[in-house]
N, C-alpha and C. Protein backbone atom coordinates (compact mmCIF):
# COMPACT_ATOMS: atom_id res chain seq x y z
N UNK A 1 2.10 10.95 -9.07
CA UNK A 1 2.79 11.52 -7.94
C UNK A 1 4.09 10.75 -7.74
N UNK A 2 5.19 11.46 -7.58
CA UNK A 2 6.48 10.81 -7.39
C UNK A 2 6.62 10.40 -5.94
N UNK A 3 7.59 9.52 -5.72
CA UNK A 3 7.84 9.06 -4.35
C UNK A 3 8.27 10.22 -3.47
N UNK A 4 9.09 11.13 -3.99
CA UNK A 4 9.55 12.29 -3.22
C UNK A 4 8.37 13.19 -2.83
N UNK A 5 7.48 13.46 -3.77
CA UNK A 5 6.31 14.29 -3.50
C UNK A 5 5.41 13.63 -2.47
N UNK A 6 5.22 12.33 -2.59
CA UNK A 6 4.38 11.58 -1.65
C UNK A 6 4.94 11.69 -0.23
N UNK A 7 6.25 11.53 -0.07
CA UNK A 7 6.88 11.62 1.24
C UNK A 7 6.72 13.02 1.83
N UNK A 8 6.88 14.05 0.99
CA UNK A 8 6.76 15.42 1.45
C UNK A 8 5.35 15.73 1.91
N UNK A 9 4.36 15.25 1.18
CA UNK A 9 2.97 15.53 1.53
C UNK A 9 2.55 14.82 2.81
N UNK A 10 3.15 13.68 3.12
CA UNK A 10 2.77 12.94 4.33
C UNK A 10 3.47 13.46 5.58
N UNK A 11 4.57 14.17 5.42
CA UNK A 11 5.33 14.66 6.57
C UNK A 11 4.54 15.75 7.29
N UNK A 12 4.37 15.62 8.60
CA UNK A 12 3.63 16.66 9.32
C UNK A 12 4.44 17.95 9.33
N UNK A 13 3.72 19.06 9.41
CA UNK A 13 4.38 20.36 9.47
C UNK A 13 5.17 20.48 10.75
N UNK A 14 6.29 21.15 10.70
CA UNK A 14 7.10 21.39 11.88
C UNK A 14 6.58 22.63 12.57
N UNK A 15 6.01 22.47 13.76
CA UNK A 15 5.44 23.60 14.48
C UNK A 15 6.46 24.35 15.32
N UNK A 16 7.72 23.89 15.32
CA UNK A 16 8.78 24.59 16.04
C UNK A 16 8.47 24.78 17.51
N UNK A 17 8.50 26.06 17.97
CA UNK A 17 8.28 26.33 19.40
C UNK A 17 6.93 25.85 19.92
N UNK A 18 5.90 25.88 19.07
CA UNK A 18 4.58 25.39 19.52
C UNK A 18 4.66 23.90 19.86
N UNK A 19 5.35 23.14 19.01
CA UNK A 19 5.50 21.70 19.27
C UNK A 19 6.30 21.47 20.54
N UNK A 20 7.34 22.26 20.74
CA UNK A 20 8.17 22.12 21.95
C UNK A 20 7.34 22.36 23.21
N UNK A 21 6.51 23.40 23.18
CA UNK A 21 5.67 23.70 24.35
C UNK A 21 4.65 22.60 24.58
N UNK A 22 4.04 22.10 23.48
CA UNK A 22 3.08 20.99 23.60
C UNK A 22 3.75 19.74 24.15
N UNK A 23 4.94 19.44 23.63
CA UNK A 23 5.67 18.26 24.08
C UNK A 23 6.02 18.36 25.56
N UNK A 24 6.46 19.54 25.98
CA UNK A 24 6.84 19.72 27.39
C UNK A 24 5.61 19.53 28.28
N UNK A 25 4.48 20.13 27.90
CA UNK A 25 3.25 19.99 28.68
C UNK A 25 2.81 18.52 28.74
N UNK A 26 2.91 17.81 27.61
CA UNK A 26 2.55 16.39 27.58
C UNK A 26 3.49 15.58 28.46
N UNK A 27 4.77 15.93 28.46
CA UNK A 27 5.75 15.21 29.29
C UNK A 27 5.49 15.44 30.78
N UNK A 28 5.18 16.66 31.16
CA UNK A 28 4.90 16.96 32.58
C UNK A 28 3.66 16.20 33.03
N UNK A 29 2.62 16.22 32.21
CA UNK A 29 1.40 15.50 32.54
C UNK A 29 1.66 13.99 32.65
N UNK A 30 2.40 13.47 31.68
CA UNK A 30 2.72 12.03 31.70
C UNK A 30 3.59 11.69 32.91
N UNK A 31 4.56 12.54 33.22
CA UNK A 31 5.43 12.29 34.37
C UNK A 31 4.62 12.24 35.66
N UNK A 32 3.66 13.16 35.80
CA UNK A 32 2.81 13.16 37.00
C UNK A 32 2.09 11.82 37.14
N UNK A 33 1.52 11.34 36.03
CA UNK A 33 0.78 10.07 36.07
C UNK A 33 1.70 8.88 36.31
N UNK A 34 2.81 8.83 35.61
CA UNK A 34 3.73 7.69 35.74
C UNK A 34 4.33 7.65 37.14
N UNK A 35 4.77 8.79 37.66
CA UNK A 35 5.34 8.82 39.01
C UNK A 35 4.29 8.44 40.05
N UNK A 36 3.04 8.89 39.87
CA UNK A 36 1.98 8.56 40.82
C UNK A 36 1.69 7.07 40.81
N UNK A 37 1.72 6.47 39.63
CA UNK A 37 1.37 5.05 39.51
C UNK A 37 2.53 4.12 39.87
N UNK A 38 3.74 4.50 39.47
CA UNK A 38 4.89 3.59 39.62
C UNK A 38 5.99 4.10 40.55
N UNK A 39 5.81 5.27 41.14
CA UNK A 39 6.82 5.83 42.03
C UNK A 39 7.88 6.60 41.27
N UNK A 40 8.73 7.25 42.03
CA UNK A 40 9.73 8.14 41.44
C UNK A 40 10.84 7.39 40.70
N UNK A 41 10.93 6.10 40.89
CA UNK A 41 11.97 5.33 40.20
C UNK A 41 11.46 4.71 38.89
N UNK A 42 10.27 5.10 38.47
CA UNK A 42 9.71 4.58 37.21
C UNK A 42 10.65 4.92 36.06
N UNK A 43 10.74 4.05 35.06
CA UNK A 43 11.63 4.33 33.93
C UNK A 43 11.19 5.58 33.17
N UNK A 44 12.15 6.40 32.81
CA UNK A 44 11.84 7.62 32.06
C UNK A 44 11.24 7.28 30.70
N UNK A 45 11.57 6.11 30.16
CA UNK A 45 11.00 5.70 28.87
C UNK A 45 9.48 5.57 28.98
N UNK A 46 8.97 5.23 30.17
CA UNK A 46 7.52 5.13 30.35
C UNK A 46 6.87 6.50 30.24
N UNK A 47 7.57 7.53 30.68
CA UNK A 47 7.05 8.90 30.58
C UNK A 47 6.99 9.31 29.11
N UNK A 48 8.06 9.03 28.37
CA UNK A 48 8.08 9.38 26.94
C UNK A 48 6.96 8.66 26.20
N UNK A 49 6.79 7.36 26.49
CA UNK A 49 5.72 6.59 25.84
C UNK A 49 4.36 7.18 26.15
N UNK A 50 4.12 7.46 27.43
CA UNK A 50 2.81 7.99 27.86
C UNK A 50 2.54 9.35 27.19
N UNK A 51 3.60 10.15 27.00
CA UNK A 51 3.44 11.47 26.39
C UNK A 51 3.34 11.39 24.87
N UNK A 52 3.67 10.23 24.31
CA UNK A 52 3.60 10.07 22.85
C UNK A 52 4.76 10.72 22.13
N UNK A 53 5.92 10.78 22.80
CA UNK A 53 7.11 11.37 22.18
C UNK A 53 8.27 10.39 22.31
N UNK A 54 9.31 10.63 21.56
CA UNK A 54 10.51 9.80 21.66
C UNK A 54 11.35 10.18 22.86
N UNK A 55 12.26 9.28 23.23
CA UNK A 55 13.12 9.56 24.38
C UNK A 55 14.04 10.75 24.13
N UNK A 56 14.40 10.99 22.87
CA UNK A 56 15.22 12.16 22.56
C UNK A 56 14.52 13.45 22.94
N UNK A 57 13.21 13.51 22.67
CA UNK A 57 12.42 14.69 23.04
C UNK A 57 12.38 14.82 24.56
N UNK A 58 12.17 13.71 25.25
CA UNK A 58 12.16 13.72 26.72
C UNK A 58 13.45 14.31 27.25
N UNK A 59 14.60 13.83 26.76
CA UNK A 59 15.89 14.28 27.29
C UNK A 59 16.22 15.71 26.87
N UNK A 60 15.63 16.20 25.79
CA UNK A 60 15.83 17.62 25.45
C UNK A 60 15.16 18.52 26.50
N UNK A 61 14.04 18.08 27.00
CA UNK A 61 13.32 18.87 28.00
C UNK A 61 13.83 18.59 29.42
N UNK A 62 14.09 17.32 29.70
CA UNK A 62 14.48 16.90 31.05
C UNK A 62 15.70 15.99 30.96
N UNK A 63 16.90 16.54 31.16
CA UNK A 63 18.11 15.75 30.97
C UNK A 63 18.27 14.59 31.97
N UNK A 64 17.53 14.64 33.07
CA UNK A 64 17.61 13.54 34.05
C UNK A 64 16.32 13.47 34.85
N UNK A 65 16.24 12.48 35.71
CA UNK A 65 15.04 12.24 36.52
C UNK A 65 14.74 13.43 37.43
N UNK A 66 15.77 14.01 38.01
CA UNK A 66 15.58 15.15 38.91
C UNK A 66 14.88 16.29 38.20
N UNK A 67 15.25 16.55 36.95
CA UNK A 67 14.62 17.63 36.18
C UNK A 67 13.15 17.33 35.91
N UNK A 68 12.83 16.07 35.64
CA UNK A 68 11.43 15.69 35.39
C UNK A 68 10.61 15.84 36.67
N UNK A 69 11.14 15.39 37.79
CA UNK A 69 10.43 15.52 39.07
C UNK A 69 10.24 17.00 39.40
N UNK A 70 11.29 17.80 39.20
CA UNK A 70 11.21 19.24 39.50
C UNK A 70 10.13 19.91 38.65
N UNK A 71 10.00 19.51 37.39
CA UNK A 71 8.99 20.10 36.51
C UNK A 71 7.58 19.77 36.99
N UNK A 72 7.37 18.53 37.44
CA UNK A 72 6.06 18.14 37.97
C UNK A 72 5.75 18.94 39.23
N UNK A 73 6.73 19.04 40.13
CA UNK A 73 6.53 19.78 41.37
C UNK A 73 6.22 21.25 41.09
N UNK A 74 6.98 21.84 40.17
CA UNK A 74 6.77 23.25 39.83
C UNK A 74 5.36 23.46 39.29
N UNK A 75 4.91 22.56 38.44
CA UNK A 75 3.56 22.68 37.88
C UNK A 75 2.50 22.52 38.97
N UNK A 76 2.71 21.59 39.90
CA UNK A 76 1.77 21.42 41.02
C UNK A 76 1.65 22.70 41.83
N UNK A 77 2.80 23.26 42.18
CA UNK A 77 2.81 24.49 42.99
C UNK A 77 2.19 25.64 42.21
N UNK A 78 2.49 25.74 40.92
CA UNK A 78 1.93 26.82 40.09
C UNK A 78 0.41 26.72 40.07
N UNK A 79 -0.14 25.51 39.98
CA UNK A 79 -1.60 25.37 39.98
C UNK A 79 -2.21 25.84 41.29
N UNK A 80 -1.56 25.53 42.39
CA UNK A 80 -2.07 25.96 43.70
C UNK A 80 -2.01 27.48 43.79
N UNK A 81 -0.91 28.08 43.31
CA UNK A 81 -0.79 29.54 43.33
C UNK A 81 -1.85 30.18 42.43
N UNK A 82 -2.10 29.61 41.26
CA UNK A 82 -3.12 30.15 40.36
C UNK A 82 -4.51 30.03 40.99
N UNK A 83 -4.77 28.92 41.66
CA UNK A 83 -6.06 28.76 42.34
C UNK A 83 -6.20 29.81 43.44
N UNK A 84 -5.10 30.12 44.12
CA UNK A 84 -5.14 31.13 45.19
C UNK A 84 -5.39 32.52 44.63
N UNK A 85 -4.98 32.78 43.39
CA UNK A 85 -5.15 34.10 42.78
C UNK A 85 -6.54 34.30 42.16
N UNK A 86 -7.31 33.23 42.05
CA UNK A 86 -8.65 33.33 41.45
C UNK A 86 -9.55 34.21 42.31
N UNK A 87 -10.45 34.93 41.66
CA UNK A 87 -11.36 35.83 42.38
C UNK A 87 -12.24 35.10 43.39
N UNK A 88 -12.61 33.87 43.07
CA UNK A 88 -13.50 33.11 43.95
C UNK A 88 -12.75 32.14 44.87
N UNK A 89 -11.46 32.35 45.06
CA UNK A 89 -10.65 31.43 45.87
C UNK A 89 -11.10 31.43 47.33
N UNK A 90 -11.16 30.22 47.89
CA UNK A 90 -11.45 30.05 49.31
C UNK A 90 -10.42 29.10 49.90
N UNK A 91 -10.27 29.13 51.19
CA UNK A 91 -9.33 28.23 51.84
C UNK A 91 -9.72 26.77 51.59
N UNK A 92 -11.01 26.46 51.75
CA UNK A 92 -11.48 25.08 51.52
C UNK A 92 -11.23 24.66 50.08
N UNK A 93 -11.46 25.57 49.14
CA UNK A 93 -11.21 25.27 47.73
C UNK A 93 -9.75 24.99 47.46
N UNK A 94 -8.87 25.78 48.06
CA UNK A 94 -7.43 25.56 47.90
C UNK A 94 -7.02 24.22 48.49
N UNK A 95 -7.60 23.85 49.62
CA UNK A 95 -7.28 22.54 50.19
C UNK A 95 -7.76 21.42 49.27
N UNK A 96 -8.85 21.64 48.54
CA UNK A 96 -9.31 20.66 47.55
C UNK A 96 -8.29 20.47 46.44
N UNK A 97 -7.73 21.59 45.95
CA UNK A 97 -6.70 21.52 44.91
C UNK A 97 -5.45 20.84 45.45
N UNK A 98 -5.05 21.23 46.66
CA UNK A 98 -3.88 20.61 47.30
C UNK A 98 -4.10 19.11 47.46
N UNK A 99 -5.27 18.71 47.90
CA UNK A 99 -5.58 17.30 48.10
C UNK A 99 -5.55 16.54 46.77
N UNK A 100 -6.01 17.16 45.69
CA UNK A 100 -5.94 16.54 44.37
C UNK A 100 -4.49 16.22 44.04
N UNK A 101 -3.60 17.17 44.27
CA UNK A 101 -2.18 16.94 43.97
C UNK A 101 -1.57 15.89 44.90
N UNK A 102 -1.97 15.93 46.16
CA UNK A 102 -1.43 14.93 47.10
C UNK A 102 -1.82 13.52 46.68
N UNK A 103 -3.03 13.34 46.20
CA UNK A 103 -3.48 11.98 45.85
C UNK A 103 -2.90 11.50 44.53
N UNK A 104 -2.27 12.39 43.78
CA UNK A 104 -1.74 12.01 42.47
C UNK A 104 -0.23 12.10 42.34
N UNK A 105 0.46 12.56 43.36
CA UNK A 105 1.89 12.79 43.19
C UNK A 105 2.69 12.47 44.45
N UNK A 106 3.37 11.33 44.40
CA UNK A 106 4.26 10.97 45.52
C UNK A 106 5.37 12.01 45.66
N UNK A 107 5.82 12.56 44.53
CA UNK A 107 6.87 13.57 44.57
C UNK A 107 6.38 14.82 45.30
N UNK A 108 5.12 15.18 45.10
CA UNK A 108 4.56 16.35 45.75
C UNK A 108 4.48 16.13 47.25
N UNK A 109 4.13 14.93 47.65
CA UNK A 109 4.09 14.62 49.08
C UNK A 109 5.49 14.79 49.67
N UNK A 110 6.50 14.30 48.96
CA UNK A 110 7.87 14.44 49.42
C UNK A 110 8.27 15.90 49.57
N UNK A 111 7.80 16.74 48.67
CA UNK A 111 8.11 18.16 48.74
C UNK A 111 7.63 18.76 50.05
N UNK A 112 6.46 18.35 50.49
CA UNK A 112 5.88 18.91 51.70
C UNK A 112 6.56 18.39 52.96
N UNK A 113 7.45 17.43 52.79
CA UNK A 113 8.29 16.94 53.88
C UNK A 113 9.73 17.29 53.55
N UNK A 114 10.04 18.58 53.57
CA UNK A 114 11.34 19.04 53.09
C UNK A 114 12.49 18.49 53.91
N UNK A 115 12.22 18.05 55.11
CA UNK A 115 13.31 17.46 55.91
C UNK A 115 13.80 16.17 55.27
N UNK A 116 13.00 15.58 54.38
CA UNK A 116 13.40 14.35 53.68
C UNK A 116 13.99 14.64 52.30
N UNK A 117 14.25 15.89 52.01
CA UNK A 117 14.69 16.27 50.67
C UNK A 117 16.11 15.82 50.36
N UNK A 118 16.77 15.20 51.31
CA UNK A 118 18.10 14.68 51.04
C UNK A 118 19.16 15.65 51.53
N UNK A 119 20.38 15.19 51.42
CA UNK A 119 21.48 16.00 51.93
C UNK A 119 22.00 17.00 50.90
N UNK A 120 21.63 16.84 49.62
CA UNK A 120 22.09 17.79 48.61
C UNK A 120 21.42 19.13 48.85
N UNK A 121 22.23 20.15 49.09
CA UNK A 121 21.68 21.46 49.46
C UNK A 121 20.84 22.07 48.35
N UNK A 122 21.19 21.82 47.06
CA UNK A 122 20.41 22.41 45.97
C UNK A 122 19.00 21.83 45.93
N UNK A 123 18.87 20.53 46.17
CA UNK A 123 17.54 19.89 46.18
C UNK A 123 16.76 20.40 47.39
N UNK A 124 17.40 20.44 48.53
CA UNK A 124 16.73 20.89 49.75
C UNK A 124 16.28 22.34 49.61
N UNK A 125 17.13 23.20 49.05
CA UNK A 125 16.78 24.61 48.88
C UNK A 125 15.58 24.76 47.95
N UNK A 126 15.58 24.02 46.85
CA UNK A 126 14.47 24.08 45.90
C UNK A 126 13.18 23.56 46.55
N UNK A 127 13.28 22.45 47.28
CA UNK A 127 12.11 21.89 47.95
C UNK A 127 11.55 22.87 48.99
N UNK A 128 12.43 23.51 49.74
CA UNK A 128 11.98 24.49 50.74
C UNK A 128 11.26 25.66 50.08
N UNK A 129 11.82 26.14 48.96
CA UNK A 129 11.20 27.25 48.24
C UNK A 129 9.80 26.88 47.76
N UNK A 130 9.66 25.70 47.16
CA UNK A 130 8.34 25.27 46.66
C UNK A 130 7.36 25.07 47.81
N UNK A 131 7.83 24.47 48.89
CA UNK A 131 6.97 24.24 50.05
C UNK A 131 6.49 25.57 50.63
N UNK A 132 7.38 26.54 50.71
CA UNK A 132 7.01 27.86 51.22
C UNK A 132 5.99 28.54 50.31
N UNK A 133 6.11 28.34 49.01
CA UNK A 133 5.14 28.92 48.07
C UNK A 133 3.75 28.33 48.30
N UNK A 134 3.68 27.03 48.56
CA UNK A 134 2.39 26.39 48.86
C UNK A 134 1.81 26.98 50.14
N UNK A 135 2.64 27.09 51.18
CA UNK A 135 2.16 27.64 52.45
C UNK A 135 1.68 29.07 52.29
N UNK A 136 2.41 29.89 51.51
CA UNK A 136 2.01 31.28 51.27
C UNK A 136 0.65 31.36 50.58
N UNK A 137 0.45 30.51 49.57
CA UNK A 137 -0.84 30.50 48.85
C UNK A 137 -1.97 30.12 49.79
N UNK A 138 -1.75 29.13 50.64
CA UNK A 138 -2.80 28.71 51.58
C UNK A 138 -3.05 29.78 52.63
N UNK A 139 -1.98 30.34 53.19
CA UNK A 139 -2.13 31.35 54.24
C UNK A 139 -2.88 32.59 53.76
N UNK A 140 -2.74 32.91 52.48
CA UNK A 140 -3.42 34.09 51.93
C UNK A 140 -4.93 33.97 52.06
N UNK A 141 -5.45 32.76 52.20
CA UNK A 141 -6.90 32.55 52.29
C UNK A 141 -7.33 31.90 53.60
N UNK A 142 -6.41 31.74 54.51
CA UNK A 142 -6.73 31.14 55.81
C UNK A 142 -7.56 32.14 56.62
N UNK A 143 -8.80 31.79 56.93
CA UNK A 143 -9.65 32.74 57.67
C UNK A 143 -9.07 33.05 59.06
N UNK A 144 -9.23 34.29 59.45
CA UNK A 144 -8.78 34.71 60.79
C UNK A 144 -9.48 33.86 61.84
N UNK A 145 -8.75 33.39 62.80
CA UNK A 145 -9.33 32.58 63.86
C UNK A 145 -9.56 31.12 63.49
N UNK A 146 -9.17 30.71 62.27
CA UNK A 146 -9.32 29.31 61.84
C UNK A 146 -8.49 28.42 62.76
N UNK A 147 -8.92 27.22 62.93
CA UNK A 147 -8.22 26.29 63.84
C UNK A 147 -6.76 26.07 63.43
N UNK A 148 -6.39 26.35 62.19
CA UNK A 148 -5.00 26.16 61.73
C UNK A 148 -4.22 27.47 61.64
N UNK A 149 -4.75 28.54 62.25
CA UNK A 149 -4.10 29.84 62.10
C UNK A 149 -2.97 30.10 63.09
N UNK A 150 -2.82 29.28 64.10
CA UNK A 150 -1.77 29.50 65.10
C UNK A 150 -0.40 29.02 64.59
N UNK A 151 0.61 29.81 64.82
CA UNK A 151 2.02 29.51 64.53
C UNK A 151 2.20 28.62 63.29
N UNK A 152 2.68 27.40 63.50
CA UNK A 152 2.97 26.48 62.39
C UNK A 152 1.90 25.40 62.21
N UNK A 153 0.69 25.65 62.72
CA UNK A 153 -0.35 24.63 62.65
C UNK A 153 -0.72 24.25 61.22
N UNK A 154 -0.77 25.23 60.31
CA UNK A 154 -1.12 24.93 58.93
C UNK A 154 -0.07 24.02 58.29
N UNK A 155 1.17 24.38 58.46
CA UNK A 155 2.26 23.58 57.89
C UNK A 155 2.24 22.16 58.47
N UNK A 156 2.04 22.04 59.77
CA UNK A 156 2.00 20.73 60.42
C UNK A 156 0.80 19.92 59.92
N UNK A 157 -0.36 20.55 59.77
CA UNK A 157 -1.55 19.83 59.30
C UNK A 157 -1.34 19.31 57.89
N UNK A 158 -0.77 20.12 57.01
CA UNK A 158 -0.51 19.68 55.64
C UNK A 158 0.46 18.50 55.65
N UNK A 159 1.50 18.59 56.47
CA UNK A 159 2.46 17.49 56.56
C UNK A 159 1.80 16.22 57.10
N UNK A 160 0.92 16.36 58.09
CA UNK A 160 0.23 15.21 58.66
C UNK A 160 -0.67 14.54 57.63
N UNK A 161 -1.42 15.35 56.88
CA UNK A 161 -2.29 14.79 55.85
C UNK A 161 -1.44 14.11 54.78
N UNK A 162 -0.38 14.78 54.35
CA UNK A 162 0.49 14.21 53.31
C UNK A 162 1.07 12.87 53.75
N UNK A 163 1.42 12.76 55.03
CA UNK A 163 1.99 11.51 55.54
C UNK A 163 0.96 10.38 55.53
N UNK A 164 -0.31 10.72 55.60
CA UNK A 164 -1.36 9.71 55.61
C UNK A 164 -1.86 9.31 54.24
N UNK A 165 -1.35 9.95 53.20
CA UNK A 165 -1.83 9.67 51.84
C UNK A 165 -1.13 8.42 51.33
N UNK A 166 -1.76 7.29 51.64
CA UNK A 166 -1.23 5.99 51.23
C UNK A 166 -2.31 5.24 50.47
N UNK A 167 -1.90 4.31 49.66
CA UNK A 167 -2.86 3.48 48.95
C UNK A 167 -2.37 3.15 47.56
N UNK A 168 -2.85 2.04 47.06
CA UNK A 168 -2.40 1.56 45.75
C UNK A 168 -3.03 2.34 44.61
N UNK A 169 -4.21 2.91 44.85
CA UNK A 169 -4.89 3.62 43.77
C UNK A 169 -5.05 5.09 44.13
N UNK A 170 -5.30 5.89 43.12
CA UNK A 170 -5.53 7.31 43.33
C UNK A 170 -6.73 7.52 44.24
N UNK A 171 -7.78 6.73 44.05
CA UNK A 171 -8.99 6.88 44.87
C UNK A 171 -8.71 6.55 46.33
N UNK A 172 -7.93 5.51 46.58
CA UNK A 172 -7.58 5.18 47.97
C UNK A 172 -6.79 6.31 48.61
N UNK A 173 -5.84 6.89 47.85
CA UNK A 173 -5.04 7.99 48.39
C UNK A 173 -5.91 9.21 48.67
N UNK A 174 -6.83 9.50 47.75
CA UNK A 174 -7.73 10.64 47.95
C UNK A 174 -8.62 10.42 49.17
N UNK A 175 -9.17 9.22 49.31
CA UNK A 175 -10.02 8.90 50.46
C UNK A 175 -9.26 9.06 51.77
N UNK A 176 -8.00 8.62 51.79
CA UNK A 176 -7.19 8.75 53.01
C UNK A 176 -6.91 10.21 53.33
N UNK A 177 -6.62 11.01 52.30
CA UNK A 177 -6.37 12.43 52.53
C UNK A 177 -7.61 13.11 53.10
N UNK A 178 -8.77 12.82 52.51
CA UNK A 178 -10.01 13.43 53.00
C UNK A 178 -10.33 12.98 54.42
N UNK A 179 -10.04 11.72 54.72
CA UNK A 179 -10.26 11.22 56.09
C UNK A 179 -9.35 11.95 57.07
N UNK A 180 -8.11 12.21 56.66
CA UNK A 180 -7.17 12.92 57.53
C UNK A 180 -7.65 14.35 57.78
N UNK A 181 -8.14 15.02 56.74
CA UNK A 181 -8.66 16.38 56.94
C UNK A 181 -9.86 16.34 57.88
N UNK A 182 -10.75 15.32 57.74
CA UNK A 182 -11.91 15.20 58.63
C UNK A 182 -11.47 15.02 60.08
N UNK A 183 -10.45 14.19 60.28
CA UNK A 183 -9.95 13.97 61.64
C UNK A 183 -9.41 15.27 62.25
N UNK A 184 -8.88 16.13 61.40
CA UNK A 184 -8.40 17.43 61.88
C UNK A 184 -9.53 18.46 61.96
N UNK A 185 -10.76 18.03 61.61
CA UNK A 185 -11.94 18.90 61.61
C UNK A 185 -11.73 20.12 60.72
N UNK A 186 -11.16 19.87 59.51
CA UNK A 186 -10.91 20.94 58.55
C UNK A 186 -11.75 20.67 57.30
N UNK A 187 -12.53 21.68 56.90
CA UNK A 187 -13.37 21.56 55.70
C UNK A 187 -12.52 21.65 54.44
N UNK A 188 -12.79 20.76 53.50
CA UNK A 188 -12.07 20.72 52.23
C UNK A 188 -13.10 20.84 51.11
N UNK A 189 -12.78 21.68 50.13
CA UNK A 189 -13.67 21.85 48.98
C UNK A 189 -13.53 20.66 48.02
N UNK A 190 -14.12 20.81 46.85
CA UNK A 190 -14.07 19.76 45.84
C UNK A 190 -12.62 19.40 45.50
N UNK A 191 -12.33 18.12 45.47
CA UNK A 191 -10.99 17.65 45.13
C UNK A 191 -10.89 17.69 43.62
N UNK A 192 -10.05 18.62 43.11
CA UNK A 192 -9.94 18.82 41.67
C UNK A 192 -8.63 19.50 41.33
N UNK A 193 -8.26 19.38 40.08
CA UNK A 193 -7.09 20.13 39.62
C UNK A 193 -7.56 21.56 39.33
N UNK A 194 -6.62 22.43 39.19
CA UNK A 194 -6.97 23.80 38.84
C UNK A 194 -6.41 24.09 37.46
N UNK A 195 -7.29 24.34 36.52
CA UNK A 195 -6.86 24.56 35.14
C UNK A 195 -7.06 26.01 34.70
N UNK A 196 -7.32 26.89 35.64
CA UNK A 196 -7.42 28.31 35.30
C UNK A 196 -8.79 28.81 35.10
C-alpha cells in the first residue's frame, strides 16, 4: 500500500450537509451546557471543544457570541413549543419542560426577563418574540380558572420562578425552581427536556 493510498483510506468521508447539521446540533447542545456551567461570558473555544469541532466550524455556524446564545434560546423555545403540540400535552408537563430549561440555561432565564435584554432594539425585539412564544405555548394549555389565568399572572409567575433559579449546580437550580413553583401552589410535571 502506498502512502497516498493509506492517507486516502484513513480520511473520513465528507458527509457535507449532514455533517453541517450534526455539527450545528452538537454546538447548540455544547453551548447550552457551557453557558449553564460558566455563564454567558464563557470562552467560545470551550463550546467548540465540548462539541468536538474546531473553532472554524464554530464560527461558520455562529459568527459571534450573540449568535450562539440566540441559537440556544431558539432551541429552548422550540422544545417548549413542540411539547405544547404533543397530543398528551398538559400545563403541568409544559411547566416541567420549562423548568428543565430554566435550571440549565442562564441565557433562557434572561430571555424571560425581557426588560433586561439591553438597549439594543434588535436584541430586545428578538427576546420579546421568544418570550411571547413561550407564553403562547403555556397559555394554550392553561386550564380555565387556573390560579395563573388572570391577566398577566402567568407571565409574572414565570418571571418570579426564573428570578429564583440560583445555585452553583444544575440540581440546586432545579430544586430552587421547584420550590418557587410550590410556593406559588402550582403543580409541575416531571422536569425533563422534550425530545419529541
